[in-house]
N, C-alpha and C. Protein backbone atom coordinates (compact mmCIF):
# COMPACT_ATOMS: atom_id res chain seq x y z
N MET A 1 -151.96 -78.00 98.62
CA MET A 1 -152.12 -78.13 97.13
C MET A 1 -153.43 -78.50 96.63
N ASN A 2 -153.90 -77.53 95.74
CA ASN A 2 -155.24 -77.68 95.37
C ASN A 2 -155.36 -78.93 94.03
N ILE A 3 -156.38 -79.51 94.21
CA ILE A 3 -156.78 -80.30 93.20
C ILE A 3 -157.33 -80.05 92.22
N LYS A 4 -156.92 -79.95 91.17
CA LYS A 4 -157.86 -78.89 90.06
C LYS A 4 -159.16 -79.94 89.81
N GLN A 5 -159.91 -79.01 89.45
CA GLN A 5 -161.23 -79.54 89.18
C GLN A 5 -161.55 -78.93 87.75
N PHE A 6 -162.15 -79.83 86.83
CA PHE A 6 -162.45 -78.91 85.57
C PHE A 6 -163.48 -79.88 84.80
N ASP A 7 -163.94 -79.22 83.78
CA ASP A 7 -165.44 -80.03 83.26
C ASP A 7 -164.76 -80.69 82.23
N ASN A 8 -165.83 -81.59 81.63
CA ASN A 8 -165.63 -82.39 80.45
C ASN A 8 -165.22 -81.91 79.31
N SER A 9 -165.62 -80.53 79.09
CA SER A 9 -165.33 -80.15 77.73
C SER A 9 -163.80 -79.55 77.38
N GLU A 10 -163.23 -79.14 79.03
CA GLU A 10 -162.02 -78.67 78.93
C GLU A 10 -161.10 -79.95 78.86
N LEU A 11 -161.65 -81.22 79.66
CA LEU A 11 -160.93 -82.39 79.49
C LEU A 11 -160.49 -82.59 78.17
N GLN A 12 -161.96 -82.60 77.35
CA GLN A 12 -161.86 -83.03 75.95
C GLN A 12 -160.92 -82.43 74.99
N ARG A 13 -160.76 -80.92 75.10
CA ARG A 13 -160.36 -79.94 74.65
C ARG A 13 -158.62 -80.62 74.84
N VAL A 14 -158.15 -80.97 76.02
CA VAL A 14 -156.65 -81.36 76.19
C VAL A 14 -156.58 -82.45 75.88
N LEU A 15 -157.63 -83.68 75.56
CA LEU A 15 -157.22 -84.97 75.24
C LEU A 15 -157.14 -84.67 73.74
N ASP A 16 -157.76 -83.89 72.96
CA ASP A 16 -157.67 -83.73 71.17
C ASP A 16 -156.26 -83.24 71.12
N HIS A 17 -155.85 -82.50 72.08
CA HIS A 17 -154.46 -82.01 71.79
C HIS A 17 -153.68 -83.22 71.94
N LEU A 18 -153.69 -83.73 72.94
CA LEU A 18 -152.73 -85.03 73.46
C LEU A 18 -152.62 -86.29 72.17
N VAL A 19 -154.02 -86.49 72.00
CA VAL A 19 -154.34 -87.40 71.26
C VAL A 19 -155.27 -86.92 70.03
N PRO A 20 -154.52 -86.44 68.94
CA PRO A 20 -155.06 -85.79 67.89
C PRO A 20 -155.87 -86.57 67.22
N LEU A 21 -156.92 -85.81 66.69
CA LEU A 21 -158.02 -86.62 65.71
C LEU A 21 -157.51 -87.44 64.81
N ASP A 22 -156.24 -87.11 64.22
CA ASP A 22 -155.68 -87.80 62.88
C ASP A 22 -154.71 -88.95 63.29
N SER A 23 -154.66 -89.11 64.86
CA SER A 23 -153.76 -90.12 65.28
C SER A 23 -154.40 -91.44 65.19
N PRO A 24 -153.53 -92.60 65.22
CA PRO A 24 -154.35 -93.67 64.60
C PRO A 24 -155.06 -94.26 66.21
N TYR A 25 -156.37 -95.08 65.96
CA TYR A 25 -157.20 -95.40 66.92
C TYR A 25 -157.53 -94.14 68.03
N TYR A 26 -157.71 -93.15 67.59
CA TYR A 26 -157.59 -92.00 68.62
C TYR A 26 -158.47 -92.06 69.63
N MET A 27 -159.77 -92.23 69.06
CA MET A 27 -160.97 -92.67 69.85
C MET A 27 -160.87 -93.60 71.12
N LYS A 28 -160.18 -94.67 70.81
CA LYS A 28 -159.92 -95.80 71.56
C LYS A 28 -159.08 -95.32 72.72
N VAL A 29 -157.97 -94.67 72.08
CA VAL A 29 -156.99 -94.03 73.24
C VAL A 29 -157.36 -92.95 73.91
N GLN A 30 -158.32 -92.32 73.40
CA GLN A 30 -158.88 -91.31 74.41
C GLN A 30 -159.61 -91.86 75.48
N ASN A 31 -160.43 -92.84 75.06
CA ASN A 31 -161.24 -93.51 76.30
C ASN A 31 -159.93 -94.42 77.02
N LEU A 32 -159.30 -95.19 76.59
CA LEU A 32 -158.17 -95.54 77.41
C LEU A 32 -157.56 -94.50 78.75
N ILE A 33 -157.62 -93.50 78.15
CA ILE A 33 -156.98 -92.28 78.98
C ILE A 33 -157.99 -92.02 79.93
N ILE A 34 -159.20 -91.84 79.46
CA ILE A 34 -160.12 -91.23 80.67
C ILE A 34 -160.58 -92.46 81.48
N ASN A 35 -160.58 -93.68 81.10
CA ASN A 35 -160.70 -94.80 81.82
C ASN A 35 -159.61 -95.09 83.00
N THR A 36 -158.03 -94.81 82.35
CA THR A 36 -157.41 -94.75 83.24
C THR A 36 -157.03 -93.85 84.56
N LEU A 37 -157.56 -92.55 84.04
CA LEU A 37 -157.67 -91.63 85.07
C LEU A 37 -158.47 -91.80 86.27
N TYR A 38 -159.40 -92.74 86.27
CA TYR A 38 -160.47 -92.99 87.17
C TYR A 38 -159.75 -93.80 88.49
N ILE A 39 -158.74 -94.62 87.81
CA ILE A 39 -157.91 -95.52 88.76
C ILE A 39 -157.37 -94.81 89.69
N ASN A 40 -156.74 -93.81 89.76
CA ASN A 40 -156.22 -93.07 91.05
C ASN A 40 -156.82 -91.51 90.62
N SER A 41 -158.17 -91.55 90.76
CA SER A 41 -158.90 -90.72 90.81
C SER A 41 -158.55 -89.62 92.05
N GLY A 42 -158.26 -88.21 91.70
CA GLY A 42 -158.00 -87.20 92.72
C GLY A 42 -156.34 -86.85 93.05
N PHE A 43 -155.63 -87.63 92.26
CA PHE A 43 -154.23 -87.72 92.28
C PHE A 43 -153.97 -86.22 91.97
N GLY A 44 -153.84 -85.87 91.07
CA GLY A 44 -153.93 -84.47 90.55
C GLY A 44 -155.08 -83.59 90.15
N LEU A 45 -155.97 -84.11 89.69
CA LEU A 45 -157.10 -83.84 89.38
C LEU A 45 -158.49 -84.40 89.46
N HIS A 46 -159.38 -83.83 89.52
CA HIS A 46 -160.92 -84.59 89.74
C HIS A 46 -161.43 -84.26 88.37
N ILE A 47 -162.08 -85.52 87.96
CA ILE A 47 -162.85 -85.12 86.39
C ILE A 47 -164.33 -85.50 86.60
N GLY A 48 -164.99 -84.55 85.82
CA GLY A 48 -166.40 -84.65 85.99
C GLY A 48 -166.92 -86.32 85.56
N GLU A 49 -167.91 -86.72 86.00
CA GLU A 49 -168.64 -88.04 86.10
C GLU A 49 -168.52 -88.19 84.09
N HIS A 50 -167.99 -88.77 83.65
CA HIS A 50 -168.31 -89.35 82.35
C HIS A 50 -169.40 -90.23 82.38
N ALA A 51 -170.03 -90.52 81.04
CA ALA A 51 -171.13 -91.73 80.98
C ALA A 51 -170.37 -92.85 80.89
N ASN A 52 -170.89 -93.88 81.49
CA ASN A 52 -170.18 -95.06 81.50
C ASN A 52 -169.55 -95.61 80.06
N ILE A 53 -168.25 -95.31 80.10
CA ILE A 53 -167.40 -95.76 78.81
C ILE A 53 -166.79 -97.12 78.85
N ASP A 54 -166.99 -98.03 77.72
CA ASP A 54 -166.71 -99.16 78.07
C ASP A 54 -165.09 -99.09 78.05
N LYS A 55 -164.40 -100.03 78.90
CA LYS A 55 -162.90 -100.14 79.05
C LYS A 55 -162.64 -100.78 77.70
N PRO A 56 -161.65 -99.84 76.78
CA PRO A 56 -161.21 -100.46 75.68
C PRO A 56 -159.92 -101.53 75.88
N ILE A 57 -160.11 -102.62 75.24
CA ILE A 57 -159.25 -103.80 75.24
C ILE A 57 -158.59 -103.46 73.64
N PHE A 58 -157.37 -103.27 73.93
CA PHE A 58 -156.72 -103.62 72.60
C PHE A 58 -156.09 -104.68 72.52
N ALA A 59 -156.13 -105.35 71.06
CA ALA A 59 -155.26 -106.73 70.68
C ALA A 59 -154.21 -106.42 70.32
N SER A 60 -153.15 -107.43 70.50
CA SER A 60 -151.98 -106.99 70.18
C SER A 60 -151.58 -106.32 68.86
N PHE A 61 -152.04 -106.78 67.96
CA PHE A 61 -152.29 -106.22 66.39
C PHE A 61 -152.35 -104.79 66.48
N GLU A 62 -153.25 -104.34 67.29
CA GLU A 62 -153.82 -103.04 67.42
C GLU A 62 -152.53 -101.95 68.08
N CYS A 63 -152.20 -102.56 69.17
CA CYS A 63 -150.85 -101.90 69.71
C CYS A 63 -149.51 -101.71 68.70
N GLU A 64 -149.64 -102.97 67.73
CA GLU A 64 -148.33 -103.08 66.91
C GLU A 64 -148.46 -101.98 65.75
N ALA A 65 -149.99 -101.95 65.43
CA ALA A 65 -150.25 -100.81 64.12
C ALA A 65 -150.14 -99.64 64.72
N ILE A 66 -150.30 -99.33 65.90
CA ILE A 66 -150.07 -97.99 66.57
C ILE A 66 -148.84 -97.57 66.39
N THR A 67 -147.92 -98.66 67.30
CA THR A 67 -146.69 -98.13 67.04
C THR A 67 -145.91 -97.92 65.64
N ARG A 68 -146.19 -98.84 64.72
CA ARG A 68 -145.74 -98.62 63.21
C ARG A 68 -146.01 -97.61 62.67
N THR A 69 -147.51 -97.19 62.91
CA THR A 69 -148.08 -95.82 62.27
C THR A 69 -147.18 -94.65 62.64
N VAL A 70 -147.15 -94.70 63.95
CA VAL A 70 -146.43 -93.46 64.78
C VAL A 70 -144.89 -93.33 63.84
N VAL A 71 -144.30 -94.68 64.01
CA VAL A 71 -142.99 -94.29 63.21
C VAL A 71 -142.67 -94.18 61.88
N LYS A 72 -143.59 -94.83 61.18
CA LYS A 72 -143.85 -94.62 59.55
C LYS A 72 -144.17 -93.06 59.57
N GLU A 73 -145.20 -92.39 60.07
CA GLU A 73 -145.54 -90.97 59.84
C GLU A 73 -144.69 -90.04 60.42
N LYS A 74 -143.38 -90.25 60.85
CA LYS A 74 -142.98 -89.79 61.96
C LYS A 74 -143.36 -88.59 62.67
N LYS A 75 -144.22 -89.42 63.67
CA LYS A 75 -145.22 -88.32 64.46
C LYS A 75 -144.69 -88.74 65.99
N ILE A 76 -143.45 -89.01 66.22
CA ILE A 76 -143.13 -89.48 67.56
C ILE A 76 -143.67 -88.37 68.68
N GLU A 77 -143.09 -87.20 68.26
CA GLU A 77 -143.43 -86.13 69.09
C GLU A 77 -144.91 -85.82 69.12
N ASP A 78 -145.37 -85.62 68.00
CA ASP A 78 -147.03 -85.28 67.80
C ASP A 78 -147.73 -86.15 68.51
N TRP A 79 -147.26 -87.35 68.42
CA TRP A 79 -148.42 -88.80 69.07
C TRP A 79 -147.69 -89.33 70.15
N ALA A 80 -146.89 -88.36 71.01
CA ALA A 80 -145.85 -88.95 71.79
C ALA A 80 -146.68 -89.59 72.98
N VAL A 81 -148.06 -89.35 73.32
CA VAL A 81 -148.94 -89.92 74.32
C VAL A 81 -149.29 -91.26 73.71
N THR A 82 -150.00 -91.40 72.67
CA THR A 82 -150.33 -92.49 71.97
C THR A 82 -149.23 -93.60 71.97
N TYR A 83 -148.20 -93.23 71.41
CA TYR A 83 -146.68 -93.87 71.32
C TYR A 83 -146.64 -94.81 72.75
N MET A 84 -146.55 -93.85 73.81
CA MET A 84 -146.08 -94.42 75.10
C MET A 84 -147.47 -95.38 75.51
N LEU A 85 -148.49 -94.88 75.11
CA LEU A 85 -149.51 -95.95 76.06
C LEU A 85 -149.68 -97.37 75.17
N ALA A 86 -149.47 -97.47 73.93
CA ALA A 86 -149.50 -98.55 73.22
C ALA A 86 -148.45 -99.30 73.58
N LEU A 87 -147.25 -98.81 73.86
CA LEU A 87 -145.94 -99.51 74.55
C LEU A 87 -146.20 -99.94 75.63
N PHE A 88 -146.86 -99.21 76.55
CA PHE A 88 -147.04 -99.56 78.14
C PHE A 88 -148.06 -100.84 78.03
N TYR A 89 -149.28 -100.54 77.14
CA TYR A 89 -150.23 -101.67 77.34
C TYR A 89 -149.66 -102.80 76.55
N GLN A 90 -148.68 -102.77 75.81
CA GLN A 90 -148.00 -104.10 75.22
C GLN A 90 -147.40 -104.83 76.47
N ARG A 91 -146.67 -103.87 77.11
CA ARG A 91 -145.94 -104.44 78.46
C ARG A 91 -146.68 -104.86 79.50
N TYR A 92 -147.84 -104.18 80.03
CA TYR A 92 -148.53 -104.53 81.14
C TYR A 92 -149.92 -105.21 80.85
N GLY A 93 -150.35 -105.09 79.88
CA GLY A 93 -151.79 -105.73 79.43
C GLY A 93 -152.87 -104.84 79.58
N GLN A 94 -153.86 -105.37 79.97
CA GLN A 94 -155.33 -104.93 80.22
C GLN A 94 -155.16 -103.94 81.32
N VAL A 95 -155.86 -102.78 81.29
CA VAL A 95 -156.15 -101.95 82.18
C VAL A 95 -157.12 -102.55 83.51
N HIS A 96 -156.51 -102.55 84.90
CA HIS A 96 -157.14 -102.77 85.78
C HIS A 96 -156.81 -102.27 87.03
N PRO A 97 -157.79 -101.74 88.02
CA PRO A 97 -157.54 -101.04 88.81
C PRO A 97 -156.72 -101.54 90.14
N ASP A 98 -156.41 -102.77 90.25
CA ASP A 98 -155.44 -103.09 90.96
C ASP A 98 -154.06 -103.61 90.63
N ASN A 99 -154.14 -103.26 89.19
CA ASN A 99 -152.33 -103.56 88.99
C ASN A 99 -151.77 -102.11 89.19
N GLU A 100 -150.52 -102.20 89.76
CA GLU A 100 -149.70 -101.31 90.35
C GLU A 100 -149.24 -100.38 89.11
N ALA A 101 -149.02 -100.94 87.88
CA ALA A 101 -148.66 -100.26 86.44
C ALA A 101 -149.55 -99.38 86.34
N TRP A 102 -150.58 -99.56 86.05
CA TRP A 102 -151.78 -99.06 85.89
C TRP A 102 -152.08 -98.01 86.74
N GLN A 103 -151.78 -98.32 88.03
CA GLN A 103 -151.93 -97.29 89.11
C GLN A 103 -151.05 -96.03 88.87
N PHE A 104 -149.80 -96.00 88.57
CA PHE A 104 -148.96 -95.27 88.18
C PHE A 104 -149.32 -94.70 87.14
N MET A 105 -149.61 -95.22 86.12
CA MET A 105 -149.76 -94.73 84.62
C MET A 105 -150.99 -93.63 84.98
N SER A 106 -152.17 -93.89 85.64
CA SER A 106 -153.36 -93.17 85.86
C SER A 106 -152.56 -91.74 86.69
N ALA A 107 -151.59 -91.93 87.54
CA ALA A 107 -150.87 -90.63 88.07
C ALA A 107 -150.15 -89.83 87.00
N TYR A 108 -149.49 -90.59 86.22
CA TYR A 108 -148.78 -89.99 85.22
C TYR A 108 -149.41 -89.20 84.21
N LEU A 109 -150.49 -89.79 83.82
CA LEU A 109 -151.29 -89.13 82.78
C LEU A 109 -151.93 -87.92 83.18
N GLN A 110 -152.11 -88.07 84.67
CA GLN A 110 -152.65 -86.73 85.35
C GLN A 110 -151.87 -85.72 85.30
N ILE A 111 -150.75 -86.17 85.71
CA ILE A 111 -149.22 -84.83 85.71
C ILE A 111 -149.56 -84.58 84.04
N ILE A 112 -149.22 -85.30 83.04
CA ILE A 112 -149.15 -84.84 81.63
C ILE A 112 -150.42 -84.05 81.42
N ILE A 113 -151.84 -84.23 81.98
CA ILE A 113 -152.79 -83.16 81.63
C ILE A 113 -152.65 -82.14 82.24
N MET A 114 -152.48 -81.95 83.47
CA MET A 114 -152.35 -80.61 84.25
C MET A 114 -151.30 -79.81 83.70
N ILE A 115 -150.06 -80.34 83.05
CA ILE A 115 -149.26 -79.57 82.48
C ILE A 115 -149.87 -79.15 80.99
N ALA A 116 -150.44 -79.76 80.23
CA ALA A 116 -150.83 -79.67 78.91
C ALA A 116 -151.99 -78.49 79.09
N ILE A 117 -152.83 -78.46 80.27
CA ILE A 117 -154.19 -77.44 80.56
C ILE A 117 -153.41 -76.14 80.74
N ARG A 118 -152.09 -75.97 81.22
CA ARG A 118 -151.52 -74.65 81.71
C ARG A 118 -151.24 -73.77 80.14
N LYS A 119 -151.05 -74.70 79.16
CA LYS A 119 -150.58 -74.01 78.08
C LYS A 119 -149.60 -72.66 78.09
N ASP A 120 -148.48 -73.16 78.99
CA ASP A 120 -147.55 -72.20 78.77
C ASP A 120 -146.15 -72.96 78.42
N GLU A 121 -145.05 -72.42 78.83
CA GLU A 121 -143.63 -73.29 78.37
C GLU A 121 -143.71 -74.52 78.62
N HIS A 122 -144.18 -74.63 79.86
CA HIS A 122 -144.00 -76.12 80.59
C HIS A 122 -144.45 -77.29 79.71
N SER A 123 -145.45 -76.77 78.58
CA SER A 123 -146.21 -77.74 77.90
C SER A 123 -145.07 -78.61 76.93
N ALA A 124 -143.93 -78.30 77.06
CA ALA A 124 -143.14 -78.88 75.93
C ALA A 124 -142.51 -80.33 76.64
N LYS A 125 -142.72 -80.06 78.03
CA LYS A 125 -142.44 -81.38 79.00
C LYS A 125 -143.15 -82.60 78.54
N VAL A 126 -144.27 -82.06 78.19
CA VAL A 126 -145.36 -83.41 77.69
C VAL A 126 -144.65 -84.59 77.02
N SER A 127 -144.11 -83.99 75.70
CA SER A 127 -143.37 -85.28 74.82
C SER A 127 -142.03 -85.77 75.84
N LYS A 128 -141.37 -84.93 76.54
CA LYS A 128 -140.14 -85.38 77.44
C LYS A 128 -140.54 -86.48 78.06
N LEU A 129 -141.96 -86.27 79.16
CA LEU A 129 -142.54 -87.37 79.76
C LEU A 129 -142.79 -88.46 79.25
N SER A 130 -143.47 -88.67 77.84
CA SER A 130 -143.77 -89.63 77.10
C SER A 130 -142.59 -90.34 76.92
N VAL A 131 -141.36 -89.47 76.42
CA VAL A 131 -140.23 -90.35 75.98
C VAL A 131 -139.44 -91.08 77.19
N ARG A 132 -139.34 -90.20 78.09
CA ARG A 132 -138.55 -90.76 79.52
C ARG A 132 -139.25 -92.16 79.70
N LEU A 133 -140.86 -92.21 79.85
CA LEU A 133 -141.23 -93.51 79.99
C LEU A 133 -141.05 -94.67 78.89
N ARG A 134 -140.97 -94.05 77.86
CA ARG A 134 -141.17 -95.28 76.70
C ARG A 134 -139.60 -95.77 76.81
N MET A 135 -138.52 -94.86 76.95
CA MET A 135 -137.44 -95.33 76.79
C MET A 135 -137.22 -96.46 78.03
N GLY A 136 -137.91 -96.28 79.19
CA GLY A 136 -138.00 -97.07 80.23
C GLY A 136 -138.58 -98.43 80.25
N LEU A 137 -139.41 -98.44 78.98
CA LEU A 137 -140.21 -100.00 78.85
C LEU A 137 -139.06 -100.97 77.93
N LYS A 138 -138.34 -100.57 77.73
CA LYS A 138 -137.27 -101.50 77.01
C LYS A 138 -136.17 -102.02 77.93
N ASP A 139 -136.42 -103.40 78.13
CA ASP A 139 -135.70 -104.09 79.04
C ASP A 139 -134.15 -103.78 79.29
N ASN A 140 -133.34 -103.44 78.17
CA ASN A 140 -131.88 -103.43 77.89
C ASN A 140 -131.52 -101.94 78.15
N ASN A 141 -132.49 -101.04 78.37
CA ASN A 141 -132.45 -99.48 78.84
C ASN A 141 -132.16 -99.01 80.01
N PRO A 142 -131.31 -98.59 80.36
CA PRO A 142 -131.13 -98.40 81.89
C PRO A 142 -132.30 -97.80 82.50
N GLN A 143 -132.84 -96.75 81.79
CA GLN A 143 -134.07 -96.12 82.24
C GLN A 143 -135.25 -97.07 82.44
N SER A 144 -135.26 -98.52 82.44
CA SER A 144 -136.13 -99.32 83.00
C SER A 144 -136.21 -99.29 84.56
N GLU A 145 -134.92 -98.88 85.02
CA GLU A 145 -135.11 -98.77 86.43
C GLU A 145 -135.76 -97.57 87.04
N ILE A 146 -135.92 -96.67 86.28
CA ILE A 146 -136.71 -95.26 86.64
C ILE A 146 -138.38 -95.87 86.70
N VAL A 147 -138.56 -96.64 85.60
CA VAL A 147 -139.72 -96.90 85.43
C VAL A 147 -140.46 -98.08 86.48
N LYS A 148 -139.55 -98.90 87.02
CA LYS A 148 -139.86 -99.60 87.96
C LYS A 148 -139.86 -99.05 89.00
N LYS A 149 -139.30 -98.08 89.48
CA LYS A 149 -139.33 -97.21 90.53
C LYS A 149 -140.51 -96.33 90.93
N LEU A 150 -140.50 -95.89 89.61
CA LEU A 150 -141.98 -95.07 89.51
C LEU A 150 -143.43 -95.86 89.93
N ILE A 151 -143.17 -97.23 89.24
CA ILE A 151 -144.42 -98.06 89.60
C ILE A 151 -144.52 -98.05 91.01
N ASN A 152 -143.36 -98.50 91.60
CA ASN A 152 -143.09 -98.74 92.95
C ASN A 152 -143.73 -97.46 93.98
N ILE A 153 -143.43 -96.46 93.63
CA ILE A 153 -143.60 -94.98 94.27
C ILE A 153 -144.91 -94.83 94.15
N HIS A 154 -145.81 -95.47 93.10
CA HIS A 154 -147.45 -95.11 93.12
C HIS A 154 -148.07 -96.06 93.52
N ALA A 155 -147.56 -97.24 93.89
CA ALA A 155 -148.48 -98.68 94.10
C ALA A 155 -149.15 -98.24 95.50
N GLN A 156 -150.32 -98.81 95.48
CA GLN A 156 -151.30 -98.01 96.58
C GLN A 156 -151.82 -96.82 96.94
N HIS A 157 -151.63 -96.09 95.57
CA HIS A 157 -152.29 -94.66 95.48
C HIS A 157 -151.77 -93.81 96.54
N VAL A 158 -150.52 -93.40 96.22
CA VAL A 158 -149.68 -92.14 97.12
C VAL A 158 -150.38 -91.00 96.76
N SER A 159 -150.37 -89.99 97.70
CA SER A 159 -150.71 -88.92 97.12
C SER A 159 -149.57 -88.03 96.15
N LEU A 160 -150.10 -87.01 95.82
CA LEU A 160 -148.90 -86.35 94.66
C LEU A 160 -147.81 -85.46 95.61
N THR A 161 -148.13 -85.24 96.90
CA THR A 161 -146.80 -84.59 97.68
C THR A 161 -145.96 -85.67 97.95
N LYS A 162 -146.72 -86.40 98.61
CA LYS A 162 -145.86 -88.06 98.98
C LYS A 162 -145.07 -88.42 97.67
N ALA A 163 -145.58 -88.54 96.48
CA ALA A 163 -144.94 -89.34 95.27
C ALA A 163 -144.06 -88.28 95.19
N LEU A 164 -144.08 -86.91 95.04
CA LEU A 164 -143.05 -85.83 94.91
C LEU A 164 -141.90 -86.06 95.79
N ALA A 165 -142.15 -86.27 97.09
CA ALA A 165 -141.16 -86.24 98.35
C ALA A 165 -140.17 -87.44 97.88
N LEU A 166 -140.71 -88.84 97.45
CA LEU A 166 -140.21 -89.83 97.25
C LEU A 166 -139.44 -90.10 95.96
N LEU A 167 -139.98 -89.20 94.92
CA LEU A 167 -139.09 -88.91 93.72
C LEU A 167 -137.76 -88.02 94.13
N ARG A 168 -137.75 -87.18 94.95
CA ARG A 168 -136.86 -86.33 95.48
C ARG A 168 -135.78 -87.15 95.90
N GLN A 169 -136.17 -88.01 96.93
CA GLN A 169 -135.29 -88.69 97.52
C GLN A 169 -134.53 -89.78 96.67
N TYR A 170 -135.20 -90.37 95.65
CA TYR A 170 -134.78 -91.26 94.54
C TYR A 170 -133.83 -90.41 93.78
N GLU A 171 -133.96 -89.27 93.50
CA GLU A 171 -133.26 -88.56 92.66
C GLU A 171 -131.70 -88.29 93.40
N ALA A 172 -131.98 -87.95 94.51
CA ALA A 172 -130.81 -87.49 95.35
C ALA A 172 -129.53 -88.60 95.26
N LYS A 173 -130.21 -89.87 95.82
CA LYS A 173 -129.58 -91.09 95.73
C LYS A 173 -128.91 -91.53 94.74
N ILE A 174 -129.65 -91.38 93.50
CA ILE A 174 -128.98 -92.12 92.38
C ILE A 174 -128.10 -90.88 91.90
N ARG A 175 -128.09 -89.31 92.21
CA ARG A 175 -127.31 -88.67 91.98
C ARG A 175 -125.80 -88.92 92.62
N SER A 176 -126.01 -89.02 93.96
CA SER A 176 -125.11 -89.39 94.90
C SER A 176 -124.07 -90.60 94.34
N ASP A 177 -124.63 -91.87 94.09
CA ASP A 177 -124.22 -92.91 93.92
C ASP A 177 -123.53 -92.71 92.43
N GLU A 178 -124.02 -91.93 91.64
CA GLU A 178 -123.44 -91.59 90.16
C GLU A 178 -122.19 -90.65 90.30
N GLU A 179 -122.41 -89.67 91.33
CA GLU A 179 -121.20 -88.90 91.71
C GLU A 179 -120.18 -89.19 92.14
N SER A 180 -120.35 -90.54 93.23
CA SER A 180 -119.25 -90.99 93.94
C SER A 180 -118.67 -92.23 93.35
N GLY A 181 -119.38 -92.43 92.03
CA GLY A 181 -118.47 -93.85 91.40
C GLY A 181 -119.15 -95.01 91.96
N LYS A 182 -120.14 -95.15 93.05
CA LYS A 182 -120.78 -96.36 93.30
C LYS A 182 -121.42 -97.25 92.39
N VAL A 183 -122.09 -96.37 91.51
CA VAL A 183 -122.60 -97.10 90.22
C VAL A 183 -122.13 -96.51 88.70
N VAL A 184 -122.40 -97.25 87.60
CA VAL A 184 -121.65 -96.37 86.51
C VAL A 184 -122.60 -95.30 86.18
N ASN A 185 -122.00 -94.12 85.61
CA ASN A 185 -122.78 -92.92 85.52
C ASN A 185 -123.70 -93.37 84.25
N GLN A 186 -124.68 -93.40 84.27
CA GLN A 186 -125.75 -93.39 83.11
C GLN A 186 -126.40 -92.27 82.75
N LYS A 187 -126.20 -91.21 83.74
CA LYS A 187 -126.91 -89.83 83.77
C LYS A 187 -128.22 -90.20 83.97
N LEU A 188 -128.53 -91.01 84.78
CA LEU A 188 -130.07 -91.18 85.10
C LEU A 188 -130.72 -90.05 85.92
N ALA A 189 -129.75 -89.52 87.05
CA ALA A 189 -130.35 -88.69 87.88
C ALA A 189 -130.89 -87.42 87.10
N GLY A 190 -130.31 -87.17 85.98
CA GLY A 190 -130.80 -85.93 85.13
C GLY A 190 -131.98 -86.47 84.52
N LYS A 191 -132.16 -87.59 84.28
CA LYS A 191 -133.63 -88.04 83.59
C LYS A 191 -134.39 -88.11 84.53
N ILE A 192 -134.40 -88.67 85.69
CA ILE A 192 -135.22 -88.52 87.02
C ILE A 192 -135.68 -87.12 87.23
N GLY A 193 -134.71 -86.23 87.06
CA GLY A 193 -134.92 -84.90 87.50
C GLY A 193 -135.96 -84.13 86.80
N GLN A 194 -135.85 -84.44 85.17
CA GLN A 194 -137.02 -84.00 84.24
C GLN A 194 -138.59 -84.40 84.85
N ILE A 195 -138.66 -85.66 85.13
CA ILE A 195 -139.68 -86.19 85.76
C ILE A 195 -140.20 -85.54 86.84
N ARG A 196 -139.39 -85.26 88.05
CA ARG A 196 -139.51 -84.52 89.19
C ARG A 196 -139.89 -83.34 88.95
N LEU A 197 -139.21 -82.58 88.09
CA LEU A 197 -139.74 -81.06 87.76
C LEU A 197 -141.02 -81.18 87.53
N ALA A 198 -141.46 -82.15 86.34
CA ALA A 198 -142.80 -82.14 86.18
C ALA A 198 -143.88 -82.19 87.16
N TYR A 199 -143.49 -83.06 88.07
CA TYR A 199 -144.54 -83.12 89.35
C TYR A 199 -144.42 -82.02 90.30
N GLU A 200 -143.27 -81.43 90.22
CA GLU A 200 -143.03 -80.10 90.97
C GLU A 200 -143.95 -79.22 90.65
N VAL A 201 -144.01 -78.85 89.17
CA VAL A 201 -144.82 -78.17 88.47
C VAL A 201 -146.17 -77.81 89.01
N VAL A 202 -146.93 -79.18 88.97
CA VAL A 202 -148.12 -79.56 89.01
C VAL A 202 -148.66 -79.54 90.76
N ALA A 203 -147.43 -79.84 91.57
CA ALA A 203 -147.83 -79.79 93.12
C ALA A 203 -147.41 -78.61 93.55
N GLU A 204 -146.63 -77.54 93.18
CA GLU A 204 -146.30 -76.54 93.65
C GLU A 204 -146.90 -75.23 93.14
N ASN A 205 -147.55 -75.57 91.57
CA ASN A 205 -147.86 -74.54 90.62
C ASN A 205 -146.85 -73.82 89.91
N LYS A 206 -145.69 -74.39 89.74
CA LYS A 206 -144.54 -73.44 89.48
C LYS A 206 -144.57 -72.63 88.30
N ALA A 207 -143.95 -71.52 88.41
CA ALA A 207 -144.26 -70.54 86.81
C ALA A 207 -143.09 -71.12 86.16
N PHE A 208 -142.90 -70.81 84.92
CA PHE A 208 -142.05 -71.23 83.95
C PHE A 208 -140.67 -70.21 84.03
N VAL A 209 -139.47 -71.21 84.20
CA VAL A 209 -138.53 -70.19 84.27
C VAL A 209 -137.38 -70.58 83.07
N GLY A 210 -137.21 -69.87 82.16
CA GLY A 210 -136.30 -70.49 80.93
C GLY A 210 -134.89 -70.38 81.61
N LYS A 211 -134.07 -71.31 80.84
CA LYS A 211 -132.70 -71.19 81.10
C LYS A 211 -131.86 -69.97 80.97
N THR A 212 -131.07 -69.76 81.87
CA THR A 212 -130.30 -68.47 81.89
C THR A 212 -128.75 -69.03 81.98
N TYR A 213 -128.15 -68.12 80.67
CA TYR A 213 -126.75 -68.38 80.41
C TYR A 213 -126.07 -67.33 81.35
N THR A 214 -124.67 -67.82 81.59
CA THR A 214 -123.82 -66.83 82.01
C THR A 214 -122.45 -67.13 81.06
N ASN A 215 -121.59 -66.36 81.21
CA ASN A 215 -120.28 -66.59 80.51
C ASN A 215 -119.40 -67.31 81.26
N SER A 216 -119.57 -67.70 82.40
CA SER A 216 -118.41 -68.26 83.26
C SER A 216 -118.04 -69.46 82.45
């Protein structure tokens, strides 16, 4: 598996796409992403050295302002990454390299960036990845189990290959439990599958295959 190396201008182009210049606190959110990428550097990509960027600290009113603006402007899809990060920050607090939640987020953002860089049909997965995580930040949502498991998988900087293998095991177990009636079927296996596919695209450089339908 090749770890993608790309320069700052390429990274900036992708950041401007994921966190558009008209989105709330865009500069601060972009800096948050860059700082977070360094926590798990080399998981999916190596980024060039950036000038020392101050770690942005968001006050709770700023996170609330971001989430409010995203909803009010009806930009849940366009500003999906900003929305996800504001909610994640509210939940897990300041970025710290030893924080397992942020170790996971570092890897997850690398997956999102690697998919966005491809500029192919896979890029629709970016907002899906943001949604999957966002839904799991609500305690009463069954998808919160997925977020806990993802954090657990990424604790202590596992490699992309290892993370993908663990995700496949997790998906298979949940699918088997759901199909056998061992657990209430909340269709979690399909949601884990969306995340697993994104990791596969990056790990195995998968080409995009559209859905094919038969008349059966």
